[in-house]
């Protein structure tokens, strides 16, 4: 069973990456909150992930789901113990940090859980009923334990410079435009794609 992979990034898509480790390419499904931490990674960069390996008789094709921390993987195993939440549904649902999801469960915050992708009121209630009192330690995951989005400065800086110094936007407005564009499309990883998304968003207003 594959539990950890470290290798070179070959391809990055919205919900998965292709990772080359020991001359073998592994397709790894990436939850949205993990994908955000990989924004600064380019093809050829080193990536290390803890892996949840899912394979059953009904699902003979192996599914690998990647996390930055072993604690995130452990929470995921709790999460899929909830009735009607399988690994792929769970991976799609994790659109915010594990810390925040665990906090929502422990604080009985049904509304926050309903904002997870694919999670309706009944499933949110099941999550709280099943996991409340069991995931408190995951609320203690330090924000600094996962790679910061500061890595993205490599490609956001040129766009910020153009918006401020060439197009006349105030620094705070320019930063807001960039942050909004990245929220709309978290897969952006180049200055060109970011500028296009900023332009698209401002044009639609």
Protein backbone atom coordinates (compact mmCIF):
# COMPACT_ATOMS: atom_id res chain seq x y z
CA UNK A 1 0.00 0.00 0.00
CA UNK A 2 1.28 3.46 -0.91
CA UNK A 3 1.34 5.75 2.15
CA UNK A 4 3.79 8.49 1.11
CA UNK A 5 5.19 9.82 -2.15
CA UNK A 6 8.01 12.22 -2.84
CA UNK A 7 8.97 13.16 -6.36
CA UNK A 8 8.85 15.59 -9.26
CA UNK A 9 5.70 17.32 -10.47
CA UNK A 10 4.93 16.32 -14.08
CA UNK A 11 1.42 17.76 -14.47
CA UNK A 12 -1.04 19.77 -12.39
CA UNK A 13 -4.80 19.89 -12.95
CA UNK A 14 -7.64 21.29 -10.87
CA UNK A 15 -8.25 18.15 -8.82
CA UNK A 16 -5.18 15.97 -9.43
CA UNK A 17 -1.48 15.96 -10.14
CA UNK A 18 0.91 13.57 -11.88
CA UNK A 19 3.93 12.88 -9.69
CA UNK A 20 7.10 11.17 -10.89
CA UNK A 21 8.66 9.07 -8.11
CA UNK A 22 11.41 6.53 -8.83
CA UNK A 23 10.68 6.64 -12.58
CA UNK A 24 7.00 5.83 -12.01
CA UNK A 25 4.25 8.39 -12.63
CA UNK A 26 1.52 8.41 -9.98
CA UNK A 27 -1.82 10.14 -10.54
CA UNK A 28 -2.80 11.64 -7.19
CA UNK A 29 -6.21 13.17 -6.45
CA UNK A 30 -5.79 16.46 -4.59
CA UNK A 31 -8.49 18.02 -2.37
CA UNK A 32 -9.03 21.72 -3.02
CA UNK A 33 -7.41 22.85 0.23
CA UNK A 34 -4.25 20.90 -0.66
CA UNK A 35 -4.29 22.22 -4.23
CA UNK A 36 -4.09 25.77 -2.86
CA UNK A 37 -0.80 24.97 -1.13
CA UNK A 38 0.66 23.73 -4.44
CA UNK A 39 -0.06 26.96 -6.32
CA UNK A 40 3.57 28.00 -6.27
CA UNK A 41 4.76 24.66 -7.63
CA UNK A 42 5.79 24.42 -11.27
CA UNK A 43 6.39 21.36 -13.46
CA UNK A 44 9.70 19.87 -12.38
CA UNK A 45 9.44 21.03 -8.74
CA UNK A 46 9.70 18.57 -5.86
CA UNK A 47 6.45 17.60 -4.11
CA UNK A 48 5.97 15.40 -1.03
CA UNK A 49 2.56 14.06 -0.02
CA UNK A 50 1.05 11.67 2.49
CA UNK A 51 -1.18 9.28 0.56
CA UNK A 52 -4.51 7.65 1.32
CA UNK A 53 -4.59 4.56 -0.93
CA UNK A 54 -8.09 3.32 -1.77
CA UNK A 55 -8.68 0.03 -3.58
CA UNK A 56 -11.49 -2.50 -3.10
CA UNK A 57 -13.16 -5.29 -5.04
CA UNK A 58 -15.85 -2.82 -6.11
CA UNK A 59 -13.17 -0.21 -6.87
CA UNK A 60 -10.31 -2.28 -8.34
CA UNK A 61 -8.57 0.74 -9.88
CA UNK A 62 -6.31 2.25 -7.16
CA UNK A 63 -7.18 5.78 -6.10
CA UNK A 64 -4.45 7.84 -4.44
CA UNK A 65 -5.47 10.94 -2.46
CA UNK A 66 -2.72 13.32 -1.34
CA UNK A 67 -2.27 15.45 1.80
CA UNK A 68 0.46 17.75 3.11
CA UNK A 69 0.33 16.40 6.66
CA UNK A 70 -0.12 12.95 8.17
CA UNK A 71 -2.74 14.51 10.48
CA UNK A 72 -4.79 15.61 7.45
CA UNK A 73 -4.75 12.05 6.16
CA UNK A 74 -5.82 10.79 9.59
CA UNK A 75 -8.76 13.23 9.64
CA UNK A 76 -9.72 12.06 6.15
CA UNK A 77 -9.96 8.49 7.44
CA UNK A 78 -12.35 9.69 10.16
CA UNK A 79 -14.34 11.69 7.60
CA UNK A 80 -14.96 8.71 5.30
CA UNK A 81 -16.29 6.69 8.25
CA UNK A 82 -19.45 8.80 7.99
CA UNK A 83 -22.27 6.93 6.27
CA UNK A 84 -22.56 7.70 2.51
CA UNK A 85 -19.23 9.54 2.30
CA UNK A 86 -16.74 7.59 0.22
CA UNK A 87 -13.13 8.62 -0.49
CA UNK A 88 -13.83 10.41 -3.79
CA UNK A 89 -16.82 12.31 -2.42
CA UNK A 90 -14.78 13.24 0.64
CA UNK A 91 -11.86 14.48 -1.47
CA UNK A 92 -14.20 16.76 -3.44
CA UNK A 93 -15.86 18.01 -0.25
CA UNK A 94 -12.65 19.21 1.42
CA UNK A 95 -12.70 22.74 0.04
CA UNK A 96 -11.49 24.39 3.26
CA UNK A 97 -8.73 23.44 5.67
CA UNK A 98 -9.00 20.37 7.91
CA UNK A 99 -8.55 22.70 10.88
CA UNK A 100 -11.70 24.65 9.90
CA UNK A 101 -13.77 21.55 9.13
CA UNK A 102 -12.85 19.95 12.46
CA UNK A 103 -13.73 23.19 14.24
CA UNK A 104 -17.13 23.26 12.49
CA UNK A 105 -17.82 19.68 13.61
CA UNK A 106 -16.81 20.28 17.21
CA UNK A 107 -18.74 23.58 17.43
CA UNK A 108 -21.86 22.06 15.82
CA UNK A 109 -21.65 24.56 12.96
CA UNK A 110 -24.07 23.00 10.48
CA UNK A 111 -24.05 26.00 8.14
CA UNK A 112 -20.28 25.90 7.66
CA UNK A 113 -20.36 22.19 6.87
CA UNK A 114 -23.15 22.71 4.31
CA UNK A 115 -20.78 24.98 2.38
CA UNK A 116 -18.52 22.00 1.64
CA UNK A 117 -18.89 20.79 -1.93
CA UNK A 118 -21.55 18.09 -2.24
CA UNK A 119 -22.54 18.20 1.43
CA UNK A 120 -26.24 18.87 2.05
CA UNK A 121 -28.11 19.38 5.35
CA UNK A 122 -28.70 15.69 6.07
CA UNK A 123 -25.10 14.71 5.37
CA UNK A 124 -23.83 17.63 7.46
CA UNK A 125 -25.96 16.38 10.35
CA UNK A 126 -24.54 12.86 9.89
CA UNK A 127 -20.98 14.25 9.96
CA UNK A 128 -21.60 16.01 13.28
CA UNK A 129 -23.44 13.02 14.78
CA UNK A 130 -20.65 10.64 13.79
CA UNK A 131 -17.53 12.72 14.46
CA UNK A 132 -18.32 15.29 17.14
CA UNK A 133 -16.05 14.68 20.11
CA UNK A 134 -13.58 12.68 18.00
CA UNK A 135 -11.81 15.32 15.88
CA UNK A 136 -10.95 18.03 18.41
CA UNK A 137 -7.21 17.51 18.06
CA UNK A 138 -7.35 18.46 14.37
CA UNK A 139 -8.49 21.99 15.30
CA UNK A 140 -4.98 22.40 16.71
CA UNK A 141 -3.25 22.00 13.33
CA UNK A 142 -1.14 25.14 13.08
CA UNK A 143 -1.75 27.29 10.05
CA UNK A 144 2.01 27.31 9.59
CA UNK A 145 2.12 23.51 9.30
CA UNK A 146 1.03 23.66 5.67
CA UNK A 147 2.88 25.50 2.88
CA UNK A 148 1.79 29.11 2.74
CA UNK A 149 0.29 30.73 -0.31
CA UNK A 150 3.22 33.14 -0.02
CA UNK A 151 4.93 30.77 -2.44
CA UNK A 152 2.69 32.30 -5.08
CA UNK A 153 4.47 35.65 -4.85
CA UNK A 154 6.75 34.39 -7.61
CA UNK A 155 3.99 34.84 -10.15
CA UNK A 156 1.69 37.35 -8.45
CA UNK A 157 4.40 40.00 -8.04
CA UNK A 158 4.66 40.89 -11.77
CA UNK A 159 0.86 41.20 -12.03
CA UNK A 160 0.74 43.36 -8.91
CA UNK A 161 3.47 45.58 -10.37
CA UNK A 162 1.58 46.05 -13.65
CA UNK A 163 -1.70 46.84 -11.91
CA UNK A 164 -0.10 49.46 -9.64
CA UNK A 165 2.70 51.02 -11.66
CA UNK A 166 1.38 50.72 -15.21
CA UNK A 167 -2.41 50.71 -14.83
CA UNK A 168 -2.69 53.08 -11.86
CA UNK A 169 -4.55 50.94 -9.33
CA UNK A 170 -4.07 51.55 -5.61
CA UNK A 171 -2.02 48.79 -3.91
CA UNK A 172 -4.92 47.55 -1.77
CA UNK A 173 -7.26 47.46 -4.78
CA UNK A 174 -4.69 45.60 -6.85
CA UNK A 175 -4.19 43.00 -4.11
CA UNK A 176 -7.95 42.56 -3.81
CA UNK A 177 -8.27 42.02 -7.58
CA UNK A 178 -5.56 39.34 -7.48
CA UNK A 179 -7.02 37.58 -4.43
CA UNK A 180 -10.48 37.56 -6.01
CA UNK A 181 -9.12 36.13 -9.26
CA UNK A 182 -7.30 33.34 -7.39
CA UNK A 183 -10.47 32.46 -5.47
CA UNK A 184 -12.37 32.15 -8.76
CA UNK A 185 -9.69 29.93 -10.27
CA UNK A 186 -7.33 28.30 -7.72
CA UNK A 187 -5.51 26.39 -10.49
CA UNK A 188 -3.82 29.56 -11.80
CA UNK A 189 -0.04 29.24 -11.65
CA UNK A 190 1.41 31.77 -14.12
CA UNK A 191 1.40 35.60 -14.34
CA UNK A 192 -0.27 35.45 -17.76
CA UNK A 193 -3.16 33.27 -16.56
CA UNK A 194 -3.57 35.42 -13.45
CA UNK A 195 -3.69 38.66 -15.46
CA UNK A 196 -6.27 37.15 -17.82
CA UNK A 197 -8.46 36.12 -14.86
CA UNK A 198 -8.13 39.57 -13.25
CA UNK A 199 -9.15 41.19 -16.52
CA UNK A 200 -12.06 38.75 -16.97
CA UNK A 201 -13.35 39.44 -13.46
CA UNK A 202 -13.19 43.22 -13.77
CA UNK A 203 -14.85 43.12 -17.19
CA UNK A 204 -17.77 41.11 -15.81
CA UNK A 205 -18.51 43.60 -13.03
